[in-house]
């Protein structure tokens, strides 16, 4: 059987888990965009993956999130003389590497407030996913509770998260100027930081604003 994606051990199609939203971008944004591509979407252990990064802006930096290990710097060099807008790097996948998804994160500017961002990924072995529900986190020790959850999930083979129910009627679990906050703590940012540290990729599920009554005032239901 080919390794695949599963939720709590049950195989499912990757299309059920991964959703890609494409937005129209202005010409200025396109000039600052970063394109990350990999030589293979799936790799055998003991092999290597070549990463190509294209950017019209200089000063691109990149890291790779390794399953079960965490964030490592990715060394980049110009593809050829006179073409510093195309950078290349190599990610080695040792034979004893844990199963999971490798994520390439590239950016320009300050890492905390980047001017442009690009991402790529590939997988080695199986992906075992779980839904992370922010409402179940111990609010008195959110960091400790998330760390304990990641450790327990990893111990049973888990290596991939889907952060779900990010907005509930009392408020959102992340900082927002539009949606009412559920608490002072930004659980989404905390989860992503802790997940990166432990080498566990996380996706954020699509949510709608459950803090407002629908339909909104002035909008009739047809």
N, C-alpha and C. Protein backbone atom coordinates (compact mmCIF):
# COMPACT_ATOMS: atom_id res chain seq x y z
N UNK A 1 0.85 -1.20 0.00
CA UNK A 1 0.00 0.00 0.00
C UNK A 1 0.88 1.24 0.00
N UNK A 2 0.57 2.20 -0.86
CA UNK A 2 1.34 3.42 -0.90
C UNK A 2 1.04 4.28 0.31
N UNK A 3 2.07 4.90 0.93
CA UNK A 3 1.81 5.79 2.05
C UNK A 3 0.90 6.91 1.60
N UNK A 4 -0.01 7.31 2.46
CA UNK A 4 -0.93 8.39 2.11
C UNK A 4 -1.24 9.25 3.30
N UNK A 5 -2.29 10.03 3.16
CA UNK A 5 -2.73 10.90 4.24
C UNK A 5 -3.89 10.23 4.96
N UNK A 6 -3.86 10.28 6.27
CA UNK A 6 -4.96 9.72 7.04
C UNK A 6 -5.26 10.60 8.23
N UNK A 7 -6.48 10.50 8.69
CA UNK A 7 -6.90 11.20 9.90
C UNK A 7 -7.21 10.15 10.95
N UNK A 8 -6.39 10.17 12.01
CA UNK A 8 -6.54 9.18 13.07
C UNK A 8 -6.52 7.77 12.51
N UNK A 9 -5.64 7.55 11.53
CA UNK A 9 -5.44 6.21 10.99
C UNK A 9 -6.36 5.82 9.88
N UNK A 10 -7.34 6.70 9.52
CA UNK A 10 -8.29 6.36 8.47
C UNK A 10 -7.89 7.07 7.18
N UNK A 11 -7.56 6.33 6.10
CA UNK A 11 -7.12 6.97 4.86
C UNK A 11 -8.20 7.87 4.28
N UNK A 12 -7.81 9.04 3.81
CA UNK A 12 -8.73 9.94 3.14
C UNK A 12 -7.99 10.57 1.98
N UNK A 13 -8.74 11.18 1.08
CA UNK A 13 -8.13 11.86 -0.05
C UNK A 13 -7.51 13.17 0.42
N UNK A 14 -6.35 13.48 -0.16
CA UNK A 14 -5.69 14.73 0.21
C UNK A 14 -6.55 15.93 -0.15
N UNK A 15 -7.41 15.77 -1.16
CA UNK A 15 -8.24 16.90 -1.57
C UNK A 15 -9.25 17.29 -0.51
N UNK A 16 -9.59 16.34 0.39
CA UNK A 16 -10.52 16.65 1.47
C UNK A 16 -9.84 17.55 2.49
N UNK A 17 -8.53 17.35 2.66
CA UNK A 17 -7.81 18.09 3.69
C UNK A 17 -7.31 19.43 3.18
N UNK A 18 -6.73 19.42 1.98
CA UNK A 18 -6.06 20.61 1.49
C UNK A 18 -6.98 21.42 0.60
N UNK A 19 -7.12 22.70 0.92
CA UNK A 19 -7.91 23.60 0.09
C UNK A 19 -7.05 24.79 -0.26
N UNK A 20 -7.02 25.14 -1.54
CA UNK A 20 -6.17 26.24 -1.99
C UNK A 20 -7.06 27.36 -2.50
N UNK A 21 -6.87 28.55 -1.94
CA UNK A 21 -7.62 29.72 -2.38
C UNK A 21 -6.70 30.63 -3.16
N UNK A 22 -7.11 31.01 -4.36
CA UNK A 22 -6.29 31.85 -5.23
C UNK A 22 -6.94 33.23 -5.30
N UNK A 23 -6.18 34.27 -4.97
CA UNK A 23 -6.69 35.63 -4.95
C UNK A 23 -6.01 36.46 -6.05
N UNK A 24 -6.75 37.39 -6.61
CA UNK A 24 -6.17 38.31 -7.58
C UNK A 24 -5.20 39.23 -6.86
N UNK A 25 -4.07 39.50 -7.50
CA UNK A 25 -3.03 40.33 -6.87
C UNK A 25 -2.75 41.53 -7.74
N UNK A 26 -2.37 42.62 -7.13
CA UNK A 26 -2.02 43.83 -7.86
C UNK A 26 -0.65 43.66 -8.49
N UNK A 27 -0.31 44.55 -9.44
CA UNK A 27 0.98 44.46 -10.10
C UNK A 27 2.11 44.65 -9.10
N UNK A 28 1.91 45.53 -8.13
CA UNK A 28 2.95 45.76 -7.12
C UNK A 28 3.18 44.51 -6.29
N UNK A 29 2.11 43.83 -5.93
CA UNK A 29 2.24 42.60 -5.14
C UNK A 29 2.94 41.52 -5.94
N UNK A 30 2.63 41.46 -7.24
CA UNK A 30 3.26 40.45 -8.08
C UNK A 30 4.77 40.68 -8.18
N UNK A 31 5.17 41.95 -8.17
CA UNK A 31 6.60 42.26 -8.24
C UNK A 31 7.35 41.77 -7.02
N UNK A 32 6.63 41.60 -5.89
CA UNK A 32 7.26 41.16 -4.65
C UNK A 32 6.98 39.70 -4.34
N UNK A 33 6.32 39.00 -5.25
CA UNK A 33 5.94 37.62 -4.97
C UNK A 33 7.16 36.70 -4.99
N UNK A 34 7.05 35.61 -4.27
CA UNK A 34 8.10 34.59 -4.21
C UNK A 34 7.48 33.27 -4.64
N UNK A 35 8.09 32.62 -5.61
CA UNK A 35 7.63 31.31 -6.08
C UNK A 35 8.60 30.25 -5.60
N UNK A 36 8.07 29.25 -4.89
CA UNK A 36 8.89 28.15 -4.38
C UNK A 36 8.44 26.87 -5.07
N UNK A 37 9.37 26.16 -5.67
CA UNK A 37 9.05 24.88 -6.31
C UNK A 37 10.05 23.83 -5.86
N UNK A 38 9.59 22.57 -5.85
CA UNK A 38 10.44 21.46 -5.43
C UNK A 38 10.52 20.43 -6.55
N UNK A 39 11.61 19.67 -6.56
CA UNK A 39 11.83 18.71 -7.65
C UNK A 39 10.94 17.49 -7.54
N UNK A 40 10.37 17.25 -6.37
CA UNK A 40 9.50 16.08 -6.19
C UNK A 40 8.51 16.34 -5.07
N UNK A 41 7.24 15.97 -5.29
CA UNK A 41 6.22 16.14 -4.26
C UNK A 41 6.28 15.02 -3.22
N UNK A 42 6.89 13.91 -3.59
CA UNK A 42 7.04 12.77 -2.70
C UNK A 42 8.44 12.21 -2.87
N UNK A 43 9.11 11.93 -1.76
CA UNK A 43 10.50 11.51 -1.84
C UNK A 43 10.72 10.28 -0.98
N UNK A 44 11.58 9.40 -1.45
CA UNK A 44 11.97 8.25 -0.66
C UNK A 44 13.04 8.66 0.34
N UNK A 45 13.06 8.01 1.48
CA UNK A 45 14.07 8.33 2.48
C UNK A 45 15.45 7.95 1.96
N UNK A 46 16.41 8.80 2.29
CA UNK A 46 17.75 8.61 1.79
C UNK A 46 18.02 9.42 0.53
N UNK A 47 17.00 10.09 0.00
CA UNK A 47 17.16 10.88 -1.21
C UNK A 47 17.26 12.36 -0.85
N UNK A 48 17.24 13.20 -1.86
CA UNK A 48 17.31 14.64 -1.65
C UNK A 48 16.32 15.33 -2.57
N UNK A 49 15.91 16.52 -2.19
CA UNK A 49 14.96 17.31 -2.97
C UNK A 49 15.59 18.66 -3.30
N UNK A 50 15.52 19.04 -4.58
CA UNK A 50 16.07 20.31 -5.01
C UNK A 50 14.98 21.38 -4.96
N UNK A 51 15.31 22.49 -4.34
CA UNK A 51 14.37 23.60 -4.15
C UNK A 51 14.78 24.76 -5.05
N UNK A 52 13.82 25.32 -5.76
CA UNK A 52 14.07 26.49 -6.60
C UNK A 52 13.17 27.63 -6.14
N UNK A 53 13.77 28.79 -5.90
CA UNK A 53 13.03 29.96 -5.43
C UNK A 53 13.23 31.10 -6.42
N UNK A 54 12.12 31.62 -6.95
CA UNK A 54 12.16 32.74 -7.88
C UNK A 54 11.55 33.96 -7.22
N UNK A 55 12.29 35.08 -7.28
CA UNK A 55 11.81 36.32 -6.67
C UNK A 55 12.39 37.50 -7.40
N UNK A 56 11.57 38.54 -7.57
CA UNK A 56 12.06 39.77 -8.19
C UNK A 56 12.72 40.68 -7.15
N UNK A 57 12.62 40.30 -5.91
CA UNK A 57 13.21 41.08 -4.83
C UNK A 57 14.41 40.33 -4.28
N UNK A 58 15.50 41.02 -4.06
CA UNK A 58 16.70 40.39 -3.52
C UNK A 58 16.59 40.21 -2.01
N UNK A 59 17.51 39.42 -1.48
CA UNK A 59 17.54 39.21 -0.04
C UNK A 59 16.60 38.15 0.47
N UNK A 60 16.29 37.17 -0.36
CA UNK A 60 15.38 36.09 0.06
C UNK A 60 16.09 35.17 1.06
N UNK A 61 15.40 34.84 2.13
CA UNK A 61 15.87 33.86 3.10
C UNK A 61 14.88 32.72 3.14
N UNK A 62 15.33 31.55 3.59
CA UNK A 62 14.43 30.40 3.61
C UNK A 62 14.80 29.44 4.74
N UNK A 63 13.79 28.73 5.22
CA UNK A 63 13.97 27.67 6.22
C UNK A 63 13.18 26.45 5.76
N UNK A 64 13.52 25.32 6.33
CA UNK A 64 12.75 24.10 6.09
C UNK A 64 12.30 23.57 7.44
N UNK A 65 11.01 23.21 7.53
CA UNK A 65 10.46 22.59 8.74
C UNK A 65 10.51 21.08 8.54
N UNK A 66 11.37 20.41 9.32
CA UNK A 66 11.54 18.97 9.19
C UNK A 66 10.61 18.24 10.16
N UNK A 67 9.96 17.16 9.71
CA UNK A 67 9.07 16.40 10.59
C UNK A 67 9.80 15.92 11.84
N UNK A 68 9.23 16.21 12.99
CA UNK A 68 9.77 15.72 14.26
C UNK A 68 11.04 16.40 14.72
N UNK A 69 11.56 17.34 13.94
CA UNK A 69 12.81 18.01 14.30
C UNK A 69 12.59 19.49 14.54
N UNK A 70 11.98 20.18 13.58
CA UNK A 70 11.73 21.59 13.74
C UNK A 70 12.29 22.40 12.58
N UNK A 71 12.57 23.67 12.84
CA UNK A 71 12.97 24.61 11.80
C UNK A 71 14.48 24.61 11.63
N UNK A 72 14.93 24.52 10.38
CA UNK A 72 16.35 24.60 10.05
C UNK A 72 16.54 25.59 8.92
N UNK A 73 17.64 26.31 8.95
CA UNK A 73 17.95 27.26 7.87
C UNK A 73 18.24 26.49 6.58
N UNK A 74 17.79 27.03 5.46
CA UNK A 74 18.04 26.42 4.15
C UNK A 74 19.04 27.28 3.39
N UNK A 75 20.19 26.72 3.08
CA UNK A 75 21.22 27.45 2.36
C UNK A 75 20.82 27.63 0.90
N UNK A 76 20.90 28.86 0.42
CA UNK A 76 20.52 29.18 -0.95
C UNK A 76 21.71 29.78 -1.70
N UNK A 77 21.74 29.54 -3.00
CA UNK A 77 22.76 30.16 -3.85
C UNK A 77 22.13 30.46 -5.21
N UNK A 78 22.73 31.42 -5.92
CA UNK A 78 22.21 31.79 -7.23
C UNK A 78 22.32 30.61 -8.19
N UNK A 79 21.28 30.43 -9.00
CA UNK A 79 21.27 29.29 -9.93
C UNK A 79 22.44 29.39 -10.92
N UNK A 80 22.73 30.59 -11.36
CA UNK A 80 23.85 30.79 -12.29
C UNK A 80 24.30 32.24 -12.21
N UNK A 81 25.44 32.55 -12.74
CA UNK A 81 25.97 33.91 -12.74
C UNK A 81 25.01 34.84 -13.48
N UNK A 82 24.75 35.99 -12.86
CA UNK A 82 23.88 36.98 -13.48
C UNK A 82 22.40 36.71 -13.31
N UNK A 83 22.04 35.65 -12.59
CA UNK A 83 20.62 35.33 -12.35
C UNK A 83 20.36 35.20 -10.85
N UNK A 84 20.55 36.31 -10.12
CA UNK A 84 20.36 36.25 -8.69
C UNK A 84 18.89 36.30 -8.29
N UNK A 85 17.98 36.37 -9.29
CA UNK A 85 16.55 36.30 -8.99
C UNK A 85 16.07 34.86 -8.90
N UNK A 86 16.93 33.90 -9.23
CA UNK A 86 16.60 32.48 -9.10
C UNK A 86 17.62 31.83 -8.17
N UNK A 87 17.14 31.36 -7.04
CA UNK A 87 17.99 30.73 -6.04
C UNK A 87 17.66 29.26 -5.93
N UNK A 88 18.67 28.47 -5.59
CA UNK A 88 18.46 27.02 -5.46
C UNK A 88 19.04 26.54 -4.14
N UNK A 89 18.47 25.46 -3.65
CA UNK A 89 18.96 24.82 -2.43
C UNK A 89 18.62 23.34 -2.47
N UNK A 90 19.17 22.59 -1.54
CA UNK A 90 18.94 21.15 -1.49
C UNK A 90 18.54 20.75 -0.08
N UNK A 91 17.50 19.94 0.03
CA UNK A 91 17.06 19.39 1.31
C UNK A 91 17.36 17.89 1.31
N UNK A 92 18.22 17.47 2.19
CA UNK A 92 18.55 16.04 2.33
C UNK A 92 17.52 15.37 3.24
N UNK A 93 17.10 14.17 2.86
CA UNK A 93 16.15 13.40 3.67
C UNK A 93 16.86 12.12 4.11
N UNK A 94 17.44 12.10 5.31
CA UNK A 94 18.17 10.92 5.78
C UNK A 94 17.29 9.67 5.82
N UNK A 95 17.92 8.54 5.75
CA UNK A 95 17.18 7.27 5.74
C UNK A 95 16.41 7.00 7.01
N UNK A 96 16.84 7.60 8.13
CA UNK A 96 16.15 7.36 9.40
C UNK A 96 15.22 8.51 9.77
N UNK A 97 14.84 9.33 8.80
CA UNK A 97 13.96 10.47 9.06
C UNK A 97 12.56 10.01 9.43
N UNK A 98 11.88 10.73 10.34
CA UNK A 98 10.48 10.42 10.63
C UNK A 98 9.60 10.69 9.42
N UNK A 99 8.48 10.01 9.32
CA UNK A 99 7.51 10.28 8.27
C UNK A 99 6.93 11.68 8.47
N UNK A 100 6.47 12.28 7.37
CA UNK A 100 5.79 13.55 7.49
C UNK A 100 6.02 14.47 6.32
N UNK A 101 5.52 15.69 6.46
CA UNK A 101 5.63 16.70 5.42
C UNK A 101 6.76 17.68 5.73
N UNK A 102 7.55 17.97 4.71
CA UNK A 102 8.61 18.98 4.80
C UNK A 102 8.07 20.27 4.20
N UNK A 103 8.19 21.37 4.92
CA UNK A 103 7.66 22.65 4.46
C UNK A 103 8.81 23.63 4.24
N UNK A 104 8.85 24.24 3.06
CA UNK A 104 9.83 25.26 2.74
C UNK A 104 9.15 26.61 2.91
N UNK A 105 9.74 27.49 3.72
CA UNK A 105 9.19 28.82 3.95
C UNK A 105 10.24 29.84 3.55
N UNK A 106 9.91 30.68 2.56
CA UNK A 106 10.84 31.70 2.08
C UNK A 106 10.21 33.08 2.26
N UNK A 107 11.06 34.08 2.50
CA UNK A 107 10.53 35.42 2.74
C UNK A 107 11.59 36.47 2.43
N UNK A 108 11.13 37.71 2.32
CA UNK A 108 12.01 38.87 2.24
C UNK A 108 11.63 39.83 3.36
N UNK A 109 12.59 40.66 3.76
CA UNK A 109 12.33 41.60 4.84
C UNK A 109 12.49 40.94 6.20
N UNK A 110 11.86 41.53 7.20
CA UNK A 110 11.93 41.00 8.56
C UNK A 110 11.09 39.73 8.67
N UNK A 111 11.61 38.75 9.37
CA UNK A 111 10.91 37.47 9.47
C UNK A 111 9.55 37.60 10.13
N UNK A 112 9.43 38.53 11.09
CA UNK A 112 8.16 38.72 11.79
C UNK A 112 7.15 39.51 10.97
N UNK A 113 7.65 40.41 10.12
CA UNK A 113 6.78 41.23 9.28
C UNK A 113 7.34 41.23 7.85
N UNK A 114 7.27 40.10 7.17
CA UNK A 114 7.88 39.98 5.83
C UNK A 114 7.17 40.83 4.79
N UNK A 115 7.94 41.26 3.80
CA UNK A 115 7.36 42.00 2.68
C UNK A 115 6.83 41.07 1.60
N UNK A 116 7.31 39.85 1.57
CA UNK A 116 6.82 38.84 0.63
C UNK A 116 7.09 37.46 1.21
N UNK A 117 6.22 36.51 0.88
CA UNK A 117 6.34 35.15 1.43
C UNK A 117 6.05 34.14 0.32
N UNK A 118 6.77 33.03 0.34
CA UNK A 118 6.50 31.93 -0.57
C UNK A 118 6.65 30.61 0.17
N UNK A 119 5.88 29.60 -0.21
CA UNK A 119 5.94 28.31 0.47
C UNK A 119 5.92 27.17 -0.53
N UNK A 120 6.55 26.08 -0.14
CA UNK A 120 6.52 24.85 -0.91
C UNK A 120 6.57 23.69 0.05
N UNK A 121 6.28 22.50 -0.43
CA UNK A 121 6.31 21.33 0.47
C UNK A 121 6.46 20.05 -0.32
N UNK A 122 6.89 19.03 0.38
CA UNK A 122 6.93 17.67 -0.15
C UNK A 122 6.81 16.73 1.04
N UNK A 123 6.54 15.47 0.76
CA UNK A 123 6.37 14.54 1.88
C UNK A 123 7.26 13.32 1.72
N UNK A 124 7.62 12.78 2.86
CA UNK A 124 8.36 11.53 2.90
C UNK A 124 7.63 10.56 3.81
N UNK A 125 7.13 9.47 3.27
CA UNK A 125 6.38 8.52 4.07
C UNK A 125 4.93 8.94 4.25
N UNK A 126 4.30 8.40 5.27
CA UNK A 126 2.87 8.63 5.53
C UNK A 126 2.64 9.92 6.30
N UNK A 127 1.43 10.46 6.14
CA UNK A 127 1.01 11.61 6.93
C UNK A 127 -0.18 11.20 7.78
N UNK A 128 -0.06 11.38 9.08
CA UNK A 128 -1.14 11.07 10.02
C UNK A 128 -1.60 12.38 10.63
N UNK A 129 -2.85 12.77 10.35
CA UNK A 129 -3.35 14.09 10.72
C UNK A 129 -4.39 14.02 11.83
N UNK A 130 -4.54 15.15 12.50
CA UNK A 130 -5.57 15.28 13.53
C UNK A 130 -6.12 16.70 13.47
N UNK A 131 -7.38 16.85 13.91
CA UNK A 131 -7.99 18.17 14.01
C UNK A 131 -7.69 18.75 15.39
N UNK A 132 -7.10 19.94 15.41
CA UNK A 132 -6.82 20.64 16.66
C UNK A 132 -7.96 21.62 16.93
N UNK A 133 -8.60 21.49 18.08
CA UNK A 133 -9.74 22.34 18.44
C UNK A 133 -9.30 23.30 19.55
N UNK A 134 -9.21 24.57 19.21
CA UNK A 134 -8.71 25.56 20.16
C UNK A 134 -9.55 25.70 21.42
N UNK A 135 -10.85 25.44 21.32
CA UNK A 135 -11.72 25.62 22.48
C UNK A 135 -11.42 24.64 23.60
N UNK A 136 -10.69 23.56 23.30
CA UNK A 136 -10.38 22.57 24.32
C UNK A 136 -9.05 22.84 25.04
N UNK A 137 -8.35 23.89 24.64
CA UNK A 137 -7.06 24.19 25.25
C UNK A 137 -7.26 24.80 26.63
N UNK A 138 -6.41 24.38 27.57
CA UNK A 138 -6.45 24.92 28.93
C UNK A 138 -6.02 26.38 28.88
N UNK A 139 -6.95 27.30 29.11
CA UNK A 139 -6.64 28.72 29.00
C UNK A 139 -5.69 29.19 30.09
N UNK A 140 -5.58 28.47 31.18
CA UNK A 140 -4.68 28.87 32.26
C UNK A 140 -3.23 28.54 31.96
N UNK A 141 -2.99 27.59 31.06
CA UNK A 141 -1.63 27.22 30.65
C UNK A 141 -1.67 26.74 29.21
N UNK A 142 -1.97 27.68 28.31
CA UNK A 142 -2.16 27.31 26.91
C UNK A 142 -0.89 26.72 26.30
N UNK A 143 0.25 27.33 26.56
CA UNK A 143 1.50 26.84 25.99
C UNK A 143 1.83 25.43 26.48
N UNK A 144 1.69 25.21 27.78
CA UNK A 144 1.96 23.89 28.35
C UNK A 144 1.01 22.83 27.83
N UNK A 145 -0.26 23.21 27.69
CA UNK A 145 -1.26 22.27 27.22
C UNK A 145 -1.01 21.90 25.75
N UNK A 146 -0.67 22.87 24.93
CA UNK A 146 -0.38 22.60 23.52
C UNK A 146 0.87 21.73 23.39
N UNK A 147 1.90 22.03 24.17
CA UNK A 147 3.12 21.21 24.12
C UNK A 147 2.83 19.77 24.51
N UNK A 148 1.99 19.57 25.54
CA UNK A 148 1.64 18.22 25.98
C UNK A 148 0.84 17.50 24.90
N UNK A 149 -0.07 18.23 24.25
CA UNK A 149 -0.87 17.63 23.17
C UNK A 149 0.02 17.20 22.01
N UNK A 150 0.95 18.07 21.60
CA UNK A 150 1.85 17.74 20.49
C UNK A 150 2.70 16.52 20.82
N UNK A 151 3.18 16.46 22.06
CA UNK A 151 4.00 15.32 22.47
C UNK A 151 3.19 14.03 22.45
N UNK A 152 1.96 14.06 22.97
CA UNK A 152 1.11 12.87 22.98
C UNK A 152 0.75 12.44 21.56
N UNK A 153 0.42 13.40 20.72
CA UNK A 153 0.04 13.08 19.35
C UNK A 153 1.22 12.49 18.58
N UNK A 154 2.40 13.06 18.79
CA UNK A 154 3.60 12.54 18.15
C UNK A 154 3.89 11.11 18.60
N UNK A 155 3.61 10.80 19.87
CA UNK A 155 3.93 9.47 20.41
C UNK A 155 3.11 8.37 19.76
N UNK A 156 1.96 8.70 19.17
CA UNK A 156 1.13 7.69 18.51
C UNK A 156 1.26 7.76 16.99
N UNK A 157 2.29 8.47 16.51
CA UNK A 157 2.56 8.52 15.08
C UNK A 157 2.06 9.75 14.36
N UNK A 158 1.41 10.67 15.08
CA UNK A 158 0.88 11.87 14.44
C UNK A 158 1.98 12.80 13.96
N UNK A 159 1.75 13.45 12.80
CA UNK A 159 2.76 14.35 12.27
C UNK A 159 2.20 15.52 11.48
N UNK A 160 0.88 15.76 11.58
CA UNK A 160 0.27 16.82 10.78
C UNK A 160 -1.00 17.30 11.49
N UNK A 161 -1.21 18.63 11.51
CA UNK A 161 -2.36 19.20 12.22
C UNK A 161 -3.24 20.02 11.29
N UNK A 162 -4.54 20.01 11.59
CA UNK A 162 -5.49 20.91 10.95
C UNK A 162 -6.17 21.68 12.08
N UNK A 163 -5.84 22.96 12.21
CA UNK A 163 -6.45 23.79 13.25
C UNK A 163 -7.87 24.12 12.81
N UNK A 164 -8.84 23.70 13.61
CA UNK A 164 -10.25 23.75 13.22
C UNK A 164 -11.05 24.57 14.24
N UNK A 165 -12.24 25.04 13.80
CA UNK A 165 -13.10 25.85 14.67
C UNK A 165 -12.34 27.03 15.24
N UNK A 166 -11.76 27.84 14.37
CA UNK A 166 -10.95 28.98 14.80
C UNK A 166 -11.79 30.16 15.27
N UNK A 167 -13.09 30.13 14.92
CA UNK A 167 -14.02 31.16 15.36
C UNK A 167 -15.25 30.48 15.94
N UNK A 168 -15.59 30.80 17.17
CA UNK A 168 -16.80 30.29 17.81
C UNK A 168 -17.63 31.50 18.25
N UNK A 169 -18.90 31.31 18.60
CA UNK A 169 -19.75 32.47 18.93
C UNK A 169 -19.15 33.46 19.94
N UNK A 170 -18.45 33.02 21.00
CA UNK A 170 -17.87 34.02 21.92
C UNK A 170 -16.75 34.85 21.30
N UNK A 171 -16.10 34.37 20.23
CA UNK A 171 -15.03 35.14 19.61
C UNK A 171 -14.02 34.25 18.90
N UNK A 172 -13.04 34.91 18.26
CA UNK A 172 -12.00 34.22 17.50
C UNK A 172 -10.82 33.87 18.40
N UNK A 173 -10.08 32.84 18.00
CA UNK A 173 -8.90 32.41 18.76
C UNK A 173 -7.62 33.04 18.21
N UNK A 174 -7.75 34.16 17.50
CA UNK A 174 -6.59 34.84 16.96
C UNK A 174 -6.86 36.34 16.94
N UNK A 175 -5.82 37.12 16.76
CA UNK A 175 -5.95 38.57 16.76
C UNK A 175 -6.64 39.05 15.48
N UNK A 176 -7.65 39.89 15.62
CA UNK A 176 -8.39 40.37 14.47
C UNK A 176 -8.95 41.76 14.77
N UNK A 177 -8.94 42.63 13.75
CA UNK A 177 -9.54 43.95 13.86
C UNK A 177 -10.97 43.95 13.38
N UNK A 178 -11.43 42.81 12.90
CA UNK A 178 -12.79 42.71 12.35
C UNK A 178 -13.68 41.84 13.22
N UNK A 179 -13.15 40.70 13.62
CA UNK A 179 -13.93 39.73 14.38
C UNK A 179 -13.66 39.90 15.87
N UNK A 180 -14.70 39.75 16.66
CA UNK A 180 -14.56 39.86 18.12
C UNK A 180 -13.59 38.82 18.64
N UNK A 181 -12.71 39.24 19.54
CA UNK A 181 -11.74 38.31 20.13
C UNK A 181 -12.40 37.47 21.22
N UNK A 182 -12.05 36.19 21.26
CA UNK A 182 -12.58 35.31 22.28
C UNK A 182 -11.81 35.41 23.58
N UNK A 183 -10.52 35.78 23.49
CA UNK A 183 -9.67 35.94 24.67
C UNK A 183 -8.48 36.81 24.29
N UNK A 184 -7.71 37.20 25.27
CA UNK A 184 -6.53 38.02 25.00
C UNK A 184 -5.43 37.20 24.35
N UNK A 185 -5.42 35.90 24.59
CA UNK A 185 -4.37 35.04 24.05
C UNK A 185 -4.64 34.73 22.58
N UNK A 186 -3.59 34.75 21.77
CA UNK A 186 -3.69 34.38 20.36
C UNK A 186 -3.29 32.90 20.24
N UNK A 187 -4.28 32.02 20.37
CA UNK A 187 -4.01 30.58 20.39
C UNK A 187 -3.51 30.09 19.03
N UNK A 188 -3.96 30.70 17.95
CA UNK A 188 -3.53 30.26 16.62
C UNK A 188 -2.04 30.53 16.45
N UNK A 189 -1.60 31.74 16.78
CA UNK A 189 -0.18 32.07 16.67
C UNK A 189 0.66 31.19 17.58
N UNK A 190 0.14 30.94 18.79
CA UNK A 190 0.86 30.08 19.74
C UNK A 190 0.97 28.66 19.21
N UNK A 191 -0.10 28.12 18.64
CA UNK A 191 -0.07 26.77 18.07
C UNK A 191 0.94 26.68 16.94
N UNK A 192 0.93 27.66 16.03
CA UNK A 192 1.85 27.62 14.89
C UNK A 192 3.29 27.70 15.35
N UNK A 193 3.56 28.53 16.34
CA UNK A 193 4.93 28.65 16.85
C UNK A 193 5.38 27.36 17.50
N UNK A 194 4.51 26.74 18.31
CA UNK A 194 4.86 25.48 18.98
C UNK A 194 4.96 24.34 17.98
N UNK A 195 4.09 24.32 16.99
CA UNK A 195 4.13 23.26 15.98
C UNK A 195 5.40 23.35 15.14
N UNK A 196 5.80 24.57 14.76
CA UNK A 196 7.05 24.74 14.02
C UNK A 196 8.23 24.22 14.84
N UNK A 197 8.22 24.55 16.12
CA UNK A 197 9.33 24.15 17.00
C UNK A 197 9.46 22.64 17.07
N UNK A 198 8.33 21.94 17.03
CA UNK A 198 8.37 20.48 17.14
C UNK A 198 8.40 19.78 15.78
N UNK A 199 8.40 20.56 14.69
CA UNK A 199 8.45 19.95 13.37
C UNK A 199 7.15 19.31 12.94
N UNK A 200 6.03 19.98 13.22
CA UNK A 200 4.72 19.44 12.83
C UNK A 200 3.96 20.50 12.04
N UNK A 201 3.84 20.33 10.72
CA UNK A 201 3.10 21.30 9.89
C UNK A 201 1.66 21.41 10.34
N UNK A 202 1.08 22.60 10.15
CA UNK A 202 -0.31 22.83 10.54
C UNK A 202 -1.01 23.65 9.47
N UNK A 203 -2.22 23.24 9.14
CA UNK A 203 -3.08 24.00 8.24
C UNK A 203 -4.17 24.67 9.06
N UNK A 204 -4.63 25.83 8.60
CA UNK A 204 -5.74 26.53 9.24
C UNK A 204 -6.99 26.31 8.40
N UNK A 205 -8.03 25.78 9.00
CA UNK A 205 -9.26 25.50 8.26
C UNK A 205 -10.00 26.80 7.96
N UNK A 206 -10.82 26.75 6.92
CA UNK A 206 -11.63 27.91 6.56
C UNK A 206 -12.73 28.10 7.59
N UNK A 207 -12.92 29.33 8.04
CA UNK A 207 -13.94 29.61 9.06
C UNK A 207 -14.77 30.82 8.63
N UNK A 208 -15.97 30.90 9.16
CA UNK A 208 -16.79 32.09 8.93
C UNK A 208 -17.03 32.76 10.27
N UNK A 209 -17.47 34.00 10.23
CA UNK A 209 -17.62 34.80 11.45
C UNK A 209 -18.87 34.36 12.20
N UNK A 210 -18.67 33.50 13.20
CA UNK A 210 -19.79 33.00 14.00
C UNK A 210 -20.16 33.95 15.14
N UNK A 211 -19.43 35.08 15.24
CA UNK A 211 -19.75 36.05 16.30
C UNK A 211 -20.90 36.97 15.89
N UNK A 212 -21.30 36.93 14.62
CA UNK A 212 -22.36 37.78 14.12
C UNK A 212 -23.59 36.94 13.75
N UNK A 213 -24.76 37.54 13.88
CA UNK A 213 -25.97 36.87 13.45
C UNK A 213 -26.03 36.93 11.93
N UNK A 214 -26.51 35.86 11.30
CA UNK A 214 -26.66 35.86 9.86
C UNK A 214 -28.13 35.62 9.52
N UNK A 215 -28.66 36.24 8.46
CA UNK A 215 -27.93 37.17 7.59
C UNK A 215 -27.62 38.47 8.30
N UNK A 216 -26.60 39.19 7.79
CA UNK A 216 -26.21 40.46 8.38
C UNK A 216 -27.31 41.49 8.17
N UNK A 217 -27.37 42.51 9.04
CA UNK A 217 -28.39 43.57 8.86
C UNK A 217 -28.33 44.17 7.46
N UNK A 218 -29.47 44.33 6.85
CA UNK A 218 -29.53 44.90 5.51
C UNK A 218 -29.38 43.90 4.40
N UNK A 219 -29.08 42.64 4.75
CA UNK A 219 -28.94 41.58 3.76
C UNK A 219 -30.14 40.65 3.89
N UNK A 220 -30.94 40.58 2.86
CA UNK A 220 -32.15 39.74 2.91
C UNK A 220 -31.81 38.32 2.51
N UNK A 221 -32.51 37.38 3.12
CA UNK A 221 -32.34 35.98 2.77
C UNK A 221 -33.27 35.64 1.62
N UNK A 222 -32.74 35.08 0.53
CA UNK A 222 -33.57 34.74 -0.62
C UNK A 222 -33.68 33.24 -0.76
